[in-house]
Amino acid sequence: NLGATYLSANPIFHARTKHAEVDY
């Protein structure tokens, strides 16, 4: 999952992932 891979390294995406905040 390319999006999940990017999220694991890039804190800029935080506003778009409120539903997955704890896991992220």
mmCIF file of all heavy atoms, coordinates in Angstrom:
data_MODEL
# 
_entry.id   MODEL 
# 
loop_
_atom_site.group_PDB 
_atom_site.id 
_atom_site.type_symbol 
_atom_site.label_atom_id 
_atom_site.label_alt_id 
_atom_site.label_comp_id 
_atom_site.label_asym_id 
_atom_site.label_entity_id 
_atom_site.label_seq_id 
_atom_site.pdbx_PDB_ins_code 
_atom_site.Cartn_x 
_atom_site.Cartn_y 
_atom_site.Cartn_z 
_atom_site.occupancy 
_atom_site.B_iso_or_equiv 
_atom_site.pdbx_formal_charge 
_atom_site.auth_seq_id 
_atom_site.auth_comp_id 
_atom_site.auth_asym_id 
_atom_site.auth_atom_id 
_atom_site.pdbx_PDB_model_num 
ATOM 1   N N   . ASN A 1 1  ? 0.865   -1.173 0.000  1.00 0.00 ? 1  ASN A N   1 
ATOM 2   C CA  . ASN A 1 1  ? 0.000   0.000  0.000  1.00 0.00 ? 1  ASN A CA  1 
ATOM 3   C C   . ASN A 1 1  ? 0.908   1.231  0.000  1.00 0.00 ? 1  ASN A C   1 
ATOM 4   O O   . ASN A 1 1  ? 1.525   1.563  1.012  1.00 0.00 ? 1  ASN A O   1 
ATOM 5   C CB  . ASN A 1 1  ? -0.905  -0.017 1.233  1.00 0.00 ? 1  ASN A CB  1 
ATOM 6   C CG  . ASN A 1 1  ? -1.873  1.130  1.273  1.00 0.00 ? 1  ASN A CG  1 
ATOM 7   O OD1 . ASN A 1 1  ? -1.552  2.240  0.868  1.00 0.00 ? 1  ASN A OD1 1 
ATOM 8   N ND2 . ASN A 1 1  ? -3.053  0.855  1.786  1.00 0.00 ? 1  ASN A ND2 1 
ATOM 9   N N   . LEU A 1 2  ? 0.987   1.893  -1.151 1.00 0.00 ? 2  LEU A N   1 
ATOM 10  C CA  . LEU A 1 2  ? 1.904   3.017  -1.289 1.00 0.00 ? 2  LEU A CA  1 
ATOM 11  C C   . LEU A 1 2  ? 1.553   4.161  -0.330 1.00 0.00 ? 2  LEU A C   1 
ATOM 12  O O   . LEU A 1 2  ? 2.429   4.774  0.264  1.00 0.00 ? 2  LEU A O   1 
ATOM 13  C CB  . LEU A 1 2  ? 1.902   3.520  -2.734 1.00 0.00 ? 2  LEU A CB  1 
ATOM 14  C CG  . LEU A 1 2  ? 3.019   4.457  -3.135 1.00 0.00 ? 2  LEU A CG  1 
ATOM 15  C CD1 . LEU A 1 2  ? 4.379   3.844  -2.874 1.00 0.00 ? 2  LEU A CD1 1 
ATOM 16  C CD2 . LEU A 1 2  ? 2.890   4.826  -4.603 1.00 0.00 ? 2  LEU A CD2 1 
ATOM 17  N N   . GLY A 1 3  ? 0.256   4.425  -0.133 1.00 0.00 ? 3  GLY A N   1 
ATOM 18  C CA  . GLY A 1 3  ? -0.170  5.482  0.787  1.00 0.00 ? 3  GLY A CA  1 
ATOM 19  C C   . GLY A 1 3  ? 0.274   5.206  2.211  1.00 0.00 ? 3  GLY A C   1 
ATOM 20  O O   . GLY A 1 3  ? 0.772   6.103  2.907  1.00 0.00 ? 3  GLY A O   1 
ATOM 21  N N   . ALA A 1 4  ? 0.112   3.973  2.661  1.00 0.00 ? 4  ALA A N   1 
ATOM 22  C CA  . ALA A 1 4  ? 0.533   3.615  4.016  1.00 0.00 ? 4  ALA A CA  1 
ATOM 23  C C   . ALA A 1 4  ? 2.042   3.723  4.164  1.00 0.00 ? 4  ALA A C   1 
ATOM 24  O O   . ALA A 1 4  ? 2.551   4.139  5.205  1.00 0.00 ? 4  ALA A O   1 
ATOM 25  C CB  . ALA A 1 4  ? 0.061   2.203  4.349  1.00 0.00 ? 4  ALA A CB  1 
ATOM 26  N N   . THR A 1 5  ? 2.760   3.375  3.106  1.00 0.00 ? 5  THR A N   1 
ATOM 27  C CA  . THR A 1 5  ? 4.220   3.490  3.133  1.00 0.00 ? 5  THR A CA  1 
ATOM 28  C C   . THR A 1 5  ? 4.640   4.946  3.288  1.00 0.00 ? 5  THR A C   1 
ATOM 29  O O   . THR A 1 5  ? 5.514   5.271  4.089  1.00 0.00 ? 5  THR A O   1 
ATOM 30  C CB  . THR A 1 5  ? 4.823   2.898  1.846  1.00 0.00 ? 5  THR A CB  1 
ATOM 31  O OG1 . THR A 1 5  ? 4.368   1.550  1.711  1.00 0.00 ? 5  THR A OG1 1 
ATOM 32  C CG2 . THR A 1 5  ? 6.332   2.922  1.889  1.00 0.00 ? 5  THR A CG2 1 
ATOM 33  N N   . TYR A 1 6  ? 4.007   5.830  2.529  1.00 0.00 ? 6  TYR A N   1 
ATOM 34  C CA  . TYR A 1 6  ? 4.317   7.258  2.648  1.00 0.00 ? 6  TYR A CA  1 
ATOM 35  C C   . TYR A 1 6  ? 3.949   7.800  4.023  1.00 0.00 ? 6  TYR A C   1 
ATOM 36  O O   . TYR A 1 6  ? 4.680   8.598  4.601  1.00 0.00 ? 6  TYR A O   1 
ATOM 37  C CB  . TYR A 1 6  ? 3.580   8.065  1.582  1.00 0.00 ? 6  TYR A CB  1 
ATOM 38  C CG  . TYR A 1 6  ? 4.116   7.902  0.187  1.00 0.00 ? 6  TYR A CG  1 
ATOM 39  C CD1 . TYR A 1 6  ? 3.291   8.081  -0.905 1.00 0.00 ? 6  TYR A CD1 1 
ATOM 40  C CD2 . TYR A 1 6  ? 5.448   7.582  -0.060 1.00 0.00 ? 6  TYR A CD2 1 
ATOM 41  C CE1 . TYR A 1 6  ? 3.761   7.942  -2.204 1.00 0.00 ? 6  TYR A CE1 1 
ATOM 42  C CE2 . TYR A 1 6  ? 5.934   7.439  -1.343 1.00 0.00 ? 6  TYR A CE2 1 
ATOM 43  C CZ  . TYR A 1 6  ? 5.091   7.620  -2.410 1.00 0.00 ? 6  TYR A CZ  1 
ATOM 44  O OH  . TYR A 1 6  ? 5.565   7.486  -3.681 1.00 0.00 ? 6  TYR A OH  1 
ATOM 45  N N   . LEU A 1 7  ? 2.800   7.392  4.555  1.00 0.00 ? 7  LEU A N   1 
ATOM 46  C CA  . LEU A 1 7  ? 2.368   7.883  5.866  1.00 0.00 ? 7  LEU A CA  1 
ATOM 47  C C   . LEU A 1 7  ? 3.331   7.491  6.985  1.00 0.00 ? 7  LEU A C   1 
ATOM 48  O O   . LEU A 1 7  ? 3.486   8.232  7.956  1.00 0.00 ? 7  LEU A O   1 
ATOM 49  C CB  . LEU A 1 7  ? 0.976   7.362  6.200  1.00 0.00 ? 7  LEU A CB  1 
ATOM 50  C CG  . LEU A 1 7  ? -0.170  8.045  5.483  1.00 0.00 ? 7  LEU A CG  1 
ATOM 51  C CD1 . LEU A 1 7  ? -1.469  7.308  5.758  1.00 0.00 ? 7  LEU A CD1 1 
ATOM 52  C CD2 . LEU A 1 7  ? -0.293  9.491  5.917  1.00 0.00 ? 7  LEU A CD2 1 
ATOM 53  N N   . SER A 1 8  ? 3.970   6.343  6.846  1.00 0.00 ? 8  SER A N   1 
ATOM 54  C CA  . SER A 1 8  ? 4.863   5.895  7.913  1.00 0.00 ? 8  SER A CA  1 
ATOM 55  C C   . SER A 1 8  ? 6.102   6.780  8.027  1.00 0.00 ? 8  SER A C   1 
ATOM 56  O O   . SER A 1 8  ? 6.735   6.816  9.068  1.00 0.00 ? 8  SER A O   1 
ATOM 57  C CB  . SER A 1 8  ? 5.284   4.446  7.674  1.00 0.00 ? 8  SER A CB  1 
ATOM 58  O OG  . SER A 1 8  ? 6.121   4.353  6.540  1.00 0.00 ? 8  SER A OG  1 
ATOM 59  N N   . ALA A 1 9  ? 6.423   7.516  6.958  1.00 0.00 ? 9  ALA A N   1 
ATOM 60  C CA  . ALA A 1 9  ? 7.637   8.324  6.973  1.00 0.00 ? 9  ALA A CA  1 
ATOM 61  C C   . ALA A 1 9  ? 7.388   9.815  6.862  1.00 0.00 ? 9  ALA A C   1 
ATOM 62  O O   . ALA A 1 9  ? 8.300   10.602 7.069  1.00 0.00 ? 9  ALA A O   1 
ATOM 63  C CB  . ALA A 1 9  ? 8.546   7.893  5.816  1.00 0.00 ? 9  ALA A CB  1 
ATOM 64  N N   . ASN A 1 10 ? 6.157   10.246 6.566  1.00 0.00 ? 10 ASN A N   1 
ATOM 65  C CA  . ASN A 1 10 ? 5.906   11.647 6.270  1.00 0.00 ? 10 ASN A CA  1 
ATOM 66  C C   . ASN A 1 10 ? 4.810   12.226 7.170  1.00 0.00 ? 10 ASN A C   1 
ATOM 67  O O   . ASN A 1 10 ? 3.633   11.935 6.966  1.00 0.00 ? 10 ASN A O   1 
ATOM 68  C CB  . ASN A 1 10 ? 5.496   11.785 4.800  1.00 0.00 ? 10 ASN A CB  1 
ATOM 69  C CG  . ASN A 1 10 ? 5.448   13.221 4.348  1.00 0.00 ? 10 ASN A CG  1 
ATOM 70  O OD1 . ASN A 1 10 ? 5.489   14.137 5.154  1.00 0.00 ? 10 ASN A OD1 1 
ATOM 71  N ND2 . ASN A 1 10 ? 5.338   13.419 3.060  1.00 0.00 ? 10 ASN A ND2 1 
ATOM 72  N N   . PRO A 1 11 ? 5.147   13.049 8.146  1.00 0.00 ? 11 PRO A N   1 
ATOM 73  C CA  . PRO A 1 11 ? 4.149   13.597 9.069  1.00 0.00 ? 11 PRO A CA  1 
ATOM 74  C C   . PRO A 1 11 ? 3.231   14.640 8.439  1.00 0.00 ? 11 PRO A C   1 
ATOM 75  O O   . PRO A 1 11 ? 2.234   15.018 9.031  1.00 0.00 ? 11 PRO A O   1 
ATOM 76  C CB  . PRO A 1 11 ? 4.993   14.222 10.174 1.00 0.00 ? 11 PRO A CB  1 
ATOM 77  C CG  . PRO A 1 11 ? 6.293   14.521 9.530  1.00 0.00 ? 11 PRO A CG  1 
ATOM 78  C CD  . PRO A 1 11 ? 6.492   13.474 8.476  1.00 0.00 ? 11 PRO A CD  1 
ATOM 79  N N   . ILE A 1 12 ? 3.487   15.077 7.236  1.00 0.00 ? 12 ILE A N   1 
ATOM 80  C CA  . ILE A 1 12 ? 2.658   16.105 6.595  1.00 0.00 ? 12 ILE A CA  1 
ATOM 81  C C   . ILE A 1 12 ? 1.252   15.602 6.308  1.00 0.00 ? 12 ILE A C   1 
ATOM 82  O O   . ILE A 1 12 ? 0.300   16.354 6.297  1.00 0.00 ? 12 ILE A O   1 
ATOM 83  C CB  . ILE A 1 12 ? 3.339   16.602 5.301  1.00 0.00 ? 12 ILE A CB  1 
ATOM 84  C CG1 . ILE A 1 12 ? 4.634   17.311 5.666  1.00 0.00 ? 12 ILE A CG1 1 
ATOM 85  C CG2 . ILE A 1 12 ? 2.431   17.511 4.501  1.00 0.00 ? 12 ILE A CG2 1 
ATOM 86  C CD1 . ILE A 1 12 ? 5.487   17.692 4.484  1.00 0.00 ? 12 ILE A CD1 1 
ATOM 87  N N   . PHE A 1 13 ? 1.085   14.316 6.105  1.00 0.00 ? 13 PHE A N   1 
ATOM 88  C CA  . PHE A 1 13 ? -0.210  13.747 5.766  1.00 0.00 ? 13 PHE A CA  1 
ATOM 89  C C   . PHE A 1 13 ? -1.158  13.650 6.963  1.00 0.00 ? 13 PHE A C   1 
ATOM 90  O O   . PHE A 1 13 ? -2.273  13.207 6.820  1.00 0.00 ? 13 PHE A O   1 
ATOM 91  C CB  . PHE A 1 13 ? -0.032  12.346 5.180  1.00 0.00 ? 13 PHE A CB  1 
ATOM 92  C CG  . PHE A 1 13 ? 0.560   12.354 3.813  1.00 0.00 ? 13 PHE A CG  1 
ATOM 93  C CD1 . PHE A 1 13 ? 1.911   12.140 3.631  1.00 0.00 ? 13 PHE A CD1 1 
ATOM 94  C CD2 . PHE A 1 13 ? -0.242  12.560 2.706  1.00 0.00 ? 13 PHE A CD2 1 
ATOM 95  C CE1 . PHE A 1 13 ? 2.465   12.134 2.366  1.00 0.00 ? 13 PHE A CE1 1 
ATOM 96  C CE2 . PHE A 1 13 ? 0.301   12.550 1.433  1.00 0.00 ? 13 PHE A CE2 1 
ATOM 97  C CZ  . PHE A 1 13 ? 1.654   12.339 1.264  1.00 0.00 ? 13 PHE A CZ  1 
ATOM 98  N N   . HIS A 1 14 ? -0.737  14.063 8.124  1.00 0.00 ? 14 HIS A N   1 
ATOM 99  C CA  . HIS A 1 14 ? -1.505  13.865 9.354  1.00 0.00 ? 14 HIS A CA  1 
ATOM 100 C C   . HIS A 1 14 ? -2.943  14.371 9.275  1.00 0.00 ? 14 HIS A C   1 
ATOM 101 O O   . HIS A 1 14 ? -3.856  13.705 9.743  1.00 0.00 ? 14 HIS A O   1 
ATOM 102 C CB  . HIS A 1 14 ? -0.779  14.528 10.523 1.00 0.00 ? 14 HIS A CB  1 
ATOM 103 C CG  . HIS A 1 14 ? -1.547  14.496 11.797 1.00 0.00 ? 14 HIS A CG  1 
ATOM 104 N ND1 . HIS A 1 14 ? -1.802  13.314 12.452 1.00 0.00 ? 14 HIS A ND1 1 
ATOM 105 C CD2 . HIS A 1 14 ? -2.126  15.474 12.530 1.00 0.00 ? 14 HIS A CD2 1 
ATOM 106 C CE1 . HIS A 1 14 ? -2.506  13.584 13.538 1.00 0.00 ? 14 HIS A CE1 1 
ATOM 107 N NE2 . HIS A 1 14 ? -2.705  14.873 13.603 1.00 0.00 ? 14 HIS A NE2 1 
ATOM 108 N N   . ALA A 1 15 ? -3.187  15.519 8.686  1.00 0.00 ? 15 ALA A N   1 
ATOM 109 C CA  . ALA A 1 15 ? -4.536  16.089 8.655  1.00 0.00 ? 15 ALA A CA  1 
ATOM 110 C C   . ALA A 1 15 ? -5.518  15.207 7.886  1.00 0.00 ? 15 ALA A C   1 
ATOM 111 O O   . ALA A 1 15 ? -6.711  15.224 8.154  1.00 0.00 ? 15 ALA A O   1 
ATOM 112 C CB  . ALA A 1 15 ? -4.493  17.483 8.032  1.00 0.00 ? 15 ALA A CB  1 
ATOM 113 N N   . ARG A 1 16 ? -5.049  14.420 6.966  1.00 0.00 ? 16 ARG A N   1 
ATOM 114 C CA  . ARG A 1 16 ? -5.925  13.573 6.163  1.00 0.00 ? 16 ARG A CA  1 
ATOM 115 C C   . ARG A 1 16 ? -6.187  12.212 6.783  1.00 0.00 ? 16 ARG A C   1 
ATOM 116 O O   . ARG A 1 16 ? -6.909  11.409 6.212  1.00 0.00 ? 16 ARG A O   1 
ATOM 117 C CB  . ARG A 1 16 ? -5.305  13.364 4.784  1.00 0.00 ? 16 ARG A CB  1 
ATOM 118 C CG  . ARG A 1 16 ? -5.142  14.634 4.006  1.00 0.00 ? 16 ARG A CG  1 
ATOM 119 C CD  . ARG A 1 16 ? -4.620  14.296 2.639  1.00 0.00 ? 16 ARG A CD  1 
ATOM 120 N NE  . ARG A 1 16 ? -3.893  15.437 2.111  1.00 0.00 ? 16 ARG A NE  1 
ATOM 121 C CZ  . ARG A 1 16 ? -3.032  15.382 1.135  1.00 0.00 ? 16 ARG A CZ  1 
ATOM 122 N NH1 . ARG A 1 16 ? -2.768  14.229 0.569  1.00 0.00 ? 16 ARG A NH1 1 
ATOM 123 N NH2 . ARG A 1 16 ? -2.425  16.456 0.711  1.00 0.00 ? 16 ARG A NH2 1 
ATOM 124 N N   . THR A 1 17 ? -5.576  11.914 7.899  1.00 0.00 ? 17 THR A N   1 
ATOM 125 C CA  . THR A 1 17 ? -5.671  10.563 8.455  1.00 0.00 ? 17 THR A CA  1 
ATOM 126 C C   . THR A 1 17 ? -6.191  10.546 9.886  1.00 0.00 ? 17 THR A C   1 
ATOM 127 O O   . THR A 1 17 ? -5.755  9.729  10.678 1.00 0.00 ? 17 THR A O   1 
ATOM 128 C CB  . THR A 1 17 ? -4.290  9.890  8.424  1.00 0.00 ? 17 THR A CB  1 
ATOM 129 O OG1 . THR A 1 17 ? -3.389  10.700 9.188  1.00 0.00 ? 17 THR A OG1 1 
ATOM 130 C CG2 . THR A 1 17 ? -3.782  9.721  7.018  1.00 0.00 ? 17 THR A CG2 1 
ATOM 131 N N   . LYS A 1 18 ? -7.128  11.391 10.204 1.00 0.00 ? 18 LYS A N   1 
ATOM 132 C CA  . LYS A 1 18 ? -7.606  11.460 11.588 1.00 0.00 ? 18 LYS A CA  1 
ATOM 133 C C   . LYS A 1 18 ? -8.220  10.140 12.054 1.00 0.00 ? 18 LYS A C   1 
ATOM 134 O O   . LYS A 1 18 ? -8.124  9.791  13.219 1.00 0.00 ? 18 LYS A O   1 
ATOM 135 C CB  . LYS A 1 18 ? -8.604  12.597 11.746 1.00 0.00 ? 18 LYS A CB  1 
ATOM 136 C CG  . LYS A 1 18 ? -7.937  13.943 11.673 1.00 0.00 ? 18 LYS A CG  1 
ATOM 137 C CD  . LYS A 1 18 ? -8.889  15.052 11.987 1.00 0.00 ? 18 LYS A CD  1 
ATOM 138 C CE  . LYS A 1 18 ? -8.134  16.368 11.913 1.00 0.00 ? 18 LYS A CE  1 
ATOM 139 N NZ  . LYS A 1 18 ? -8.944  17.491 12.273 1.00 0.00 ? 18 LYS A NZ  1 
ATOM 140 N N   . HIS A 1 19 ? -8.846  9.396  11.152 1.00 0.00 ? 19 HIS A N   1 
ATOM 141 C CA  . HIS A 1 19 ? -9.469  8.134  11.540 1.00 0.00 ? 19 HIS A CA  1 
ATOM 142 C C   . HIS A 1 19 ? -8.437  7.064  11.899 1.00 0.00 ? 19 HIS A C   1 
ATOM 143 O O   . HIS A 1 19 ? -8.755  6.098  12.570 1.00 0.00 ? 19 HIS A O   1 
ATOM 144 C CB  . HIS A 1 19 ? -10.376 7.621  10.424 1.00 0.00 ? 19 HIS A CB  1 
ATOM 145 C CG  . HIS A 1 19 ? -9.636  7.289  9.167  1.00 0.00 ? 19 HIS A CG  1 
ATOM 146 N ND1 . HIS A 1 19 ? -9.196  8.254  8.290  1.00 0.00 ? 19 HIS A ND1 1 
ATOM 147 C CD2 . HIS A 1 19 ? -9.242  6.103  8.656  1.00 0.00 ? 19 HIS A CD2 1 
ATOM 148 C CE1 . HIS A 1 19 ? -8.567  7.675  7.281  1.00 0.00 ? 19 HIS A CE1 1 
ATOM 149 N NE2 . HIS A 1 19 ? -8.577  6.379  7.477  1.00 0.00 ? 19 HIS A NE2 1 
ATOM 150 N N   . ALA A 1 20 ? -7.210  7.209  11.475 1.00 0.00 ? 20 ALA A N   1 
ATOM 151 C CA  . ALA A 1 20 ? -6.166  6.223  11.739 1.00 0.00 ? 20 ALA A CA  1 
ATOM 152 C C   . ALA A 1 20 ? -5.051  6.800  12.590 1.00 0.00 ? 20 ALA A C   1 
ATOM 153 O O   . ALA A 1 20 ? -3.931  6.317  12.560 1.00 0.00 ? 20 ALA A O   1 
ATOM 154 C CB  . ALA A 1 20 ? -5.613  5.712  10.417 1.00 0.00 ? 20 ALA A CB  1 
ATOM 155 N N   . GLU A 1 21 ? -5.351  7.818  13.372 1.00 0.00 ? 21 GLU A N   1 
ATOM 156 C CA  . GLU A 1 21 ? -4.323  8.581  14.063 1.00 0.00 ? 21 GLU A CA  1 
ATOM 157 C C   . GLU A 1 21 ? -3.470  7.742  15.014 1.00 0.00 ? 21 GLU A C   1 
ATOM 158 O O   . GLU A 1 21 ? -2.247  7.831  14.998 1.00 0.00 ? 21 GLU A O   1 
ATOM 159 C CB  . GLU A 1 21 ? -4.977  9.729  14.826 1.00 0.00 ? 21 GLU A CB  1 
ATOM 160 C CG  . GLU A 1 21 ? -3.994  10.699 15.405 1.00 0.00 ? 21 GLU A CG  1 
ATOM 161 C CD  . GLU A 1 21 ? -4.689  11.933 15.949 1.00 0.00 ? 21 GLU A CD  1 
ATOM 162 O OE1 . GLU A 1 21 ? -5.733  12.327 15.440 1.00 0.00 ? 21 GLU A OE1 1 
ATOM 163 O OE2 . GLU A 1 21 ? -4.148  12.477 16.914 1.00 0.00 ? 21 GLU A OE2 1 
ATOM 164 N N   . VAL A 1 22 ? -4.081  6.906  15.848 1.00 0.00 ? 22 VAL A N   1 
ATOM 165 C CA  . VAL A 1 22 ? -3.318  6.137  16.829 1.00 0.00 ? 22 VAL A CA  1 
ATOM 166 C C   . VAL A 1 22 ? -2.403  5.143  16.120 1.00 0.00 ? 22 VAL A C   1 
ATOM 167 O O   . VAL A 1 22 ? -1.211  5.035  16.431 1.00 0.00 ? 22 VAL A O   1 
ATOM 168 C CB  . VAL A 1 22 ? -4.269  5.407  17.804 1.00 0.00 ? 22 VAL A CB  1 
ATOM 169 C CG1 . VAL A 1 22 ? -3.497  4.471  18.711 1.00 0.00 ? 22 VAL A CG1 1 
ATOM 170 C CG2 . VAL A 1 22 ? -5.049  6.421  18.623 1.00 0.00 ? 22 VAL A CG2 1 
ATOM 171 N N   . ASP A 1 23 ? -2.952  4.411  15.149 1.00 0.00 ? 23 ASP A N   1 
ATOM 172 C CA  . ASP A 1 23 ? -2.156  3.437  14.410 1.00 0.00 ? 23 ASP A CA  1 
ATOM 173 C C   . ASP A 1 23 ? -1.014  4.115  13.662 1.00 0.00 ? 23 ASP A C   1 
ATOM 174 O O   . ASP A 1 23 ? 0.110   3.638  13.644 1.00 0.00 ? 23 ASP A O   1 
ATOM 175 C CB  . ASP A 1 23 ? -3.033  2.675  13.414 1.00 0.00 ? 23 ASP A CB  1 
ATOM 176 C CG  . ASP A 1 23 ? -4.045  1.780  14.104 1.00 0.00 ? 23 ASP A CG  1 
ATOM 177 O OD1 . ASP A 1 23 ? -3.868  1.502  15.304 1.00 0.00 ? 23 ASP A OD1 1 
ATOM 178 O OD2 . ASP A 1 23 ? -4.998  1.367  13.439 1.00 0.00 ? 23 ASP A OD2 1 
ATOM 179 N N   . TYR A 1 24 ? -1.335  5.219  13.030 1.00 0.00 ? 24 TYR A N   1 
ATOM 180 C CA  . TYR A 1 24 ? -0.352  5.976  12.255 1.00 0.00 ? 24 TYR A CA  1 
ATOM 181 C C   . TYR A 1 24 ? 0.825   6.390  13.128 1.00 0.00 ? 24 TYR A C   1 
ATOM 182 O O   . TYR A 1 24 ? 1.985   6.210  12.769 1.00 0.00 ? 24 TYR A O   1 
ATOM 183 C CB  . TYR A 1 24 ? -1.061  7.192  11.655 1.00 0.00 ? 24 TYR A CB  1 
ATOM 184 C CG  . TYR A 1 24 ? -0.172  8.326  11.245 1.00 0.00 ? 24 TYR A CG  1 
ATOM 185 C CD1 . TYR A 1 24 ? 0.583   8.269  10.079 1.00 0.00 ? 24 TYR A CD1 1 
ATOM 186 C CD2 . TYR A 1 24 ? -0.087  9.470  12.023 1.00 0.00 ? 24 TYR A CD2 1 
ATOM 187 C CE1 . TYR A 1 24 ? 1.393   9.318  9.710  1.00 0.00 ? 24 TYR A CE1 1 
ATOM 188 C CE2 . TYR A 1 24 ? 0.711   10.528 11.652 1.00 0.00 ? 24 TYR A CE2 1 
ATOM 189 C CZ  . TYR A 1 24 ? 1.455   10.445 10.494 1.00 0.00 ? 24 TYR A CZ  1 
ATOM 190 O OH  . TYR A 1 24 ? 2.253   11.478 10.132 1.00 0.00 ? 24 TYR A OH  1 
# 
